[in-house]
């Protein structure tokens, strides 16, 4: 997974959905969890890790 940190830093203040929709976070599946949760889940097999 490659992330352009400079562009991501310049996106501070945007919502997670805006950043995700712009493709700055290259997940194949969106992490699952609820607002305020300390833990979110990501299907690592679908992400190619496993």
PDB file of N, CA and C in Angstrom:
ATOM      1  N   UNK A   1       0.848  -1.166   0.000  1.00  0.00           N
ATOM      2  CA  UNK A   1       0.000   0.000   0.000  1.00  0.00           C
ATOM      3  C   UNK A   1       0.898   1.235   0.000  1.00  0.00           C
ATOM      4  N   UNK A   2       0.670   2.136  -0.923  1.00  0.00           N
ATOM      5  CA  UNK A   2       1.436   3.371  -1.003  1.00  0.00           C
ATOM      6  C   UNK A   2       0.510   4.551  -0.744  1.00  0.00           C
ATOM      7  N   UNK A   3       0.942   5.457   0.118  1.00  0.00           N
ATOM      8  CA  UNK A   3       0.138   6.636   0.453  1.00  0.00           C
ATOM      9  C   UNK A   3       0.985   7.877   0.226  1.00  0.00           C
ATOM     10  N   UNK A   4       0.439   8.866  -0.470  1.00  0.00           N
ATOM     11  CA  UNK A   4       1.105  10.138  -0.680  1.00  0.00           C
ATOM     12  C   UNK A   4       0.863  10.988   0.570  1.00  0.00           C
ATOM     13  N   UNK A   5       1.838  10.991   1.476  1.00  0.00           N
ATOM     14  CA  UNK A   5       1.686  11.639   2.773  1.00  0.00           C
ATOM     15  C   UNK A   5       1.493  13.145   2.624  1.00  0.00           C
ATOM     16  N   UNK A   6       2.202  13.773   1.700  1.00  0.00           N
ATOM     17  CA  UNK A   6       2.079  15.225   1.514  1.00  0.00           C
ATOM     18  C   UNK A   6       0.650  15.608   1.135  1.00  0.00           C
ATOM     19  N   UNK A   7       0.066  14.882   0.188  1.00  0.00           N
ATOM     20  CA  UNK A   7      -1.310  15.167  -0.231  1.00  0.00           C
ATOM     21  C   UNK A   7      -2.274  14.869   0.915  1.00  0.00           C
ATOM     22  N   UNK A   8      -2.010  13.807   1.661  1.00  0.00           N
ATOM     23  CA  UNK A   8      -2.862  13.454   2.788  1.00  0.00           C
ATOM     24  C   UNK A   8      -2.816  14.549   3.858  1.00  0.00           C
ATOM     25  N   UNK A   9      -1.625  15.070   4.151  1.00  0.00           N
ATOM     26  CA  UNK A   9      -1.489  16.158   5.126  1.00  0.00           C
ATOM     27  C   UNK A   9      -2.239  17.394   4.646  1.00  0.00           C
ATOM     28  N   UNK A  10      -2.155  17.687   3.352  1.00  0.00           N
ATOM     29  CA  UNK A  10      -2.869  18.840   2.804  1.00  0.00           C
ATOM     30  C   UNK A  10      -4.382  18.647   2.827  1.00  0.00           C
ATOM     31  N   UNK A  11      -4.835  17.430   3.096  1.00  0.00           N
ATOM     32  CA  UNK A  11      -6.269  17.139   3.152  1.00  0.00           C
ATOM     33  C   UNK A  11      -6.814  17.195   4.577  1.00  0.00           C
ATOM     34  N   UNK A  12      -5.964  17.551   5.542  1.00  0.00           N
ATOM     35  CA  UNK A  12      -6.438  17.660   6.923  1.00  0.00           C
ATOM     36  C   UNK A  12      -7.593  18.652   6.977  1.00  0.00           C
ATOM     37  N   UNK A  13      -8.613  18.312   7.721  1.00  0.00           N
ATOM     38  CA  UNK A  13      -9.806  19.140   7.809  1.00  0.00           C
ATOM     39  C   UNK A  13     -10.952  18.591   6.986  1.00  0.00           C
ATOM     40  N   UNK A  14     -10.628  17.712   6.027  1.00  0.00           N
ATOM     41  CA  UNK A  14     -11.672  17.056   5.240  1.00  0.00           C
ATOM     42  C   UNK A  14     -12.197  15.860   6.029  1.00  0.00           C
ATOM     43  N   UNK A  15     -13.387  15.410   5.663  1.00  0.00           N
ATOM     44  CA  UNK A  15     -13.933  14.228   6.324  1.00  0.00           C
ATOM     45  C   UNK A  15     -13.233  12.978   5.810  1.00  0.00           C
ATOM     46  N   UNK A  16     -13.346  11.886   6.579  1.00  0.00           N
ATOM     47  CA  UNK A  16     -12.757  10.619   6.150  1.00  0.00           C
ATOM     48  C   UNK A  16     -13.336  10.210   4.804  1.00  0.00           C
ATOM     49  N   UNK A  17     -14.655  10.392   4.632  1.00  0.00           N
ATOM     50  CA  UNK A  17     -15.316  10.011   3.383  1.00  0.00           C
ATOM     51  C   UNK A  17     -14.753  10.788   2.204  1.00  0.00           C
ATOM     52  N   UNK A  18     -14.504  12.089   2.365  1.00  0.00           N
ATOM     53  CA  UNK A  18     -13.929  12.891   1.279  1.00  0.00           C
ATOM     54  C   UNK A  18     -12.536  12.382   0.904  1.00  0.00           C
ATOM     55  N   UNK A  19     -11.722  12.098   1.912  1.00  0.00           N
ATOM     56  CA  UNK A  19     -10.364  11.607   1.666  1.00  0.00           C
ATOM     57  C   UNK A  19     -10.411  10.231   1.008  1.00  0.00           C
ATOM     58  N   UNK A  20     -11.295   9.355   1.492  1.00  0.00           N
ATOM     59  CA  UNK A  20     -11.444   8.014   0.922  1.00  0.00           C
ATOM     60  C   UNK A  20     -11.933   8.097  -0.521  1.00  0.00           C
ATOM     61  N   UNK A  21     -12.943   8.937  -0.770  1.00  0.00           N
ATOM     62  CA  UNK A  21     -13.515   9.073  -2.112  1.00  0.00           C
ATOM     63  C   UNK A  21     -12.511   9.631  -3.122  1.00  0.00           C
ATOM     64  N   UNK A  22     -11.556  10.433  -2.662  1.00  0.00           N
ATOM     65  CA  UNK A  22     -10.522  10.980  -3.547  1.00  0.00           C
ATOM     66  C   UNK A  22      -9.427   9.956  -3.845  1.00  0.00           C
ATOM     67  N   UNK A  23      -9.488   8.803  -3.188  1.00  0.00           N
ATOM     68  CA  UNK A  23      -8.514   7.747  -3.436  1.00  0.00           C
ATOM     69  C   UNK A  23      -7.198   7.935  -2.703  1.00  0.00           C
ATOM     70  N   UNK A  24      -7.174   8.827  -1.710  1.00  0.00           N
ATOM     71  CA  UNK A  24      -5.935   9.074  -0.975  1.00  0.00           C
ATOM     72  C   UNK A  24      -5.620   7.946  -0.001  1.00  0.00           C
ATOM     73  N   UNK A  25      -6.645   7.197   0.384  1.00  0.00           N
ATOM     74  CA  UNK A  25      -6.468   6.032   1.236  1.00  0.00           C
ATOM     75  C   UNK A  25      -6.843   4.833   0.380  1.00  0.00           C
ATOM     76  N   UNK A  26      -5.872   4.053  -0.069  1.00  0.00           N
ATOM     77  CA  UNK A  26      -6.125   3.024  -1.081  1.00  0.00           C
ATOM     78  C   UNK A  26      -6.669   1.695  -0.553  1.00  0.00           C
ATOM     79  N   UNK A  27      -7.669   1.747   0.337  1.00  0.00           N
ATOM     80  CA  UNK A  27      -8.300   0.512   0.789  1.00  0.00           C
ATOM     81  C   UNK A  27      -9.170  -0.053  -0.321  1.00  0.00           C
ATOM     82  N   UNK A  28      -9.237  -1.364  -0.414  1.00  0.00           N
ATOM     83  CA  UNK A  28     -10.166  -2.020  -1.332  1.00  0.00           C
ATOM     84  C   UNK A  28     -11.541  -2.113  -0.683  1.00  0.00           C
ATOM     85  N   UNK A  29     -11.550  -2.231   0.640  1.00  0.00           N
ATOM     86  CA  UNK A  29     -12.794  -2.248   1.399  1.00  0.00           C
ATOM     87  C   UNK A  29     -12.711  -1.168   2.465  1.00  0.00           C
ATOM     88  N   UNK A  30     -13.824  -0.552   2.768  1.00  0.00           N
ATOM     89  CA  UNK A  30     -13.851   0.507   3.767  1.00  0.00           C
ATOM     90  C   UNK A  30     -13.805  -0.111   5.164  1.00  0.00           C
ATOM     91  N   UNK A  31     -12.990   0.420   6.080  1.00  0.00           N
ATOM     92  CA  UNK A  31     -12.965  -0.097   7.447  1.00  0.00           C
ATOM     93  C   UNK A  31     -14.355  -0.008   8.078  1.00  0.00           C
ATOM     94  N   UNK A  32     -14.699  -0.975   8.933  1.00  0.00           N
ATOM     95  CA  UNK A  32     -16.011  -1.010   9.566  1.00  0.00           C
ATOM     96  C   UNK A  32     -15.897  -0.671  11.042  1.00  0.00           C
ATOM     97  N   UNK A  33     -16.837   0.086  11.526  1.00  0.00           N
ATOM     98  CA  UNK A  33     -16.886   0.463  12.924  1.00  0.00           C
ATOM     99  C   UNK A  33     -17.879   1.590  13.098  1.00  0.00           C
ATOM    100  N   UNK A  34     -18.053   2.051  14.315  1.00  0.00           N
ATOM    101  CA  UNK A  34     -18.997   3.115  14.606  1.00  0.00           C
ATOM    102  C   UNK A  34     -18.251   4.360  15.067  1.00  0.00           C
ATOM    103  N   UNK A  35     -18.833   5.514  14.838  1.00  0.00           N
ATOM    104  CA  UNK A  35     -18.237   6.777  15.253  1.00  0.00           C
ATOM    105  C   UNK A  35     -17.970   6.739  16.753  1.00  0.00           C
ATOM    106  N   UNK A  36     -16.770   7.072  17.134  1.00  0.00           N
ATOM    107  CA  UNK A  36     -16.391   7.076  18.538  1.00  0.00           C
ATOM    108  C   UNK A  36     -15.788   5.771  19.027  1.00  0.00           C
ATOM    109  N   UNK A  37     -15.869   4.720  18.208  1.00  0.00           N
ATOM    110  CA  UNK A  37     -15.263   3.446  18.601  1.00  0.00           C
ATOM    111  C   UNK A  37     -13.749   3.586  18.666  1.00  0.00           C
ATOM    112  N   UNK A  38     -13.146   2.883  19.601  1.00  0.00           N
ATOM    113  CA  UNK A  38     -11.692   2.878  19.694  1.00  0.00           C
ATOM    114  C   UNK A  38     -11.073   1.906  18.702  1.00  0.00           C
ATOM    115  N   UNK A  39     -11.875   0.968  18.184  1.00  0.00           N
ATOM    116  CA  UNK A  39     -11.382  -0.066  17.282  1.00  0.00           C
ATOM    117  C   UNK A  39     -12.237  -0.087  16.022  1.00  0.00           C
ATOM    118  N   UNK A  40     -11.592  -0.156  14.865  1.00  0.00           N
ATOM    119  CA  UNK A  40     -12.298  -0.389  13.604  1.00  0.00           C
ATOM    120  C   UNK A  40     -11.719  -1.653  12.988  1.00  0.00           C
ATOM    121  N   UNK A  41     -12.499  -2.317  12.157  1.00  0.00           N
ATOM    122  CA  UNK A  41     -12.074  -3.581  11.560  1.00  0.00           C
ATOM    123  C   UNK A  41     -11.853  -3.419  10.068  1.00  0.00           C
ATOM    124  N   UNK A  42     -10.881  -4.128   9.552  1.00  0.00           N
ATOM    125  CA  UNK A  42     -10.557  -4.111   8.135  1.00  0.00           C
ATOM    126  C   UNK A  42     -10.306  -5.546   7.705  1.00  0.00           C
ATOM    127  N   UNK A  43     -10.968  -5.986   6.640  1.00  0.00           N
ATOM    128  CA  UNK A  43     -10.807  -7.352   6.138  1.00  0.00           C
ATOM    129  C   UNK A  43      -9.443  -7.458   5.456  1.00  0.00           C
ATOM    130  N   UNK A  44      -8.453  -7.964   6.182  1.00  0.00           N
ATOM    131  CA  UNK A  44      -7.078  -7.990   5.695  1.00  0.00           C
ATOM    132  C   UNK A  44      -6.898  -8.907   4.493  1.00  0.00           C
ATOM    133  N   UNK A  45      -7.687  -9.981   4.386  1.00  0.00           N
ATOM    134  CA  UNK A  45      -7.583 -10.878   3.237  1.00  0.00           C
ATOM    135  C   UNK A  45      -7.975 -10.134   1.966  1.00  0.00           C
ATOM    136  N   UNK A  46      -9.054  -9.354   2.017  1.00  0.00           N
ATOM    137  CA  UNK A  46      -9.474  -8.575   0.851  1.00  0.00           C
ATOM    138  C   UNK A  46      -8.448  -7.503   0.491  1.00  0.00           C
ATOM    139  N   UNK A  47      -7.675  -7.061   1.483  1.00  0.00           N
ATOM    140  CA  UNK A  47      -6.654  -6.047   1.251  1.00  0.00           C
ATOM    141  C   UNK A  47      -5.356  -6.649   0.722  1.00  0.00           C
ATOM    142  N   UNK A  48      -5.307  -7.967   0.643  1.00  0.00           N
ATOM    143  CA  UNK A  48      -4.119  -8.625   0.118  1.00  0.00           C
ATOM    144  C   UNK A  48      -3.091  -8.976   1.172  1.00  0.00           C
ATOM    145  N   UNK A  49      -3.469  -8.891   2.444  1.00  0.00           N
ATOM    146  CA  UNK A  49      -2.575  -9.238   3.545  1.00  0.00           C
ATOM    147  C   UNK A  49      -3.118 -10.508   4.172  1.00  0.00           C
ATOM    148  N   UNK A  50      -2.317 -11.516   4.238  1.00  0.00           N
ATOM    149  CA  UNK A  50      -2.885 -12.674   4.889  1.00  0.00           C
ATOM    150  C   UNK A  50      -2.140 -13.893   4.649  1.00  0.00           C
TER     151      UNK A  50
END
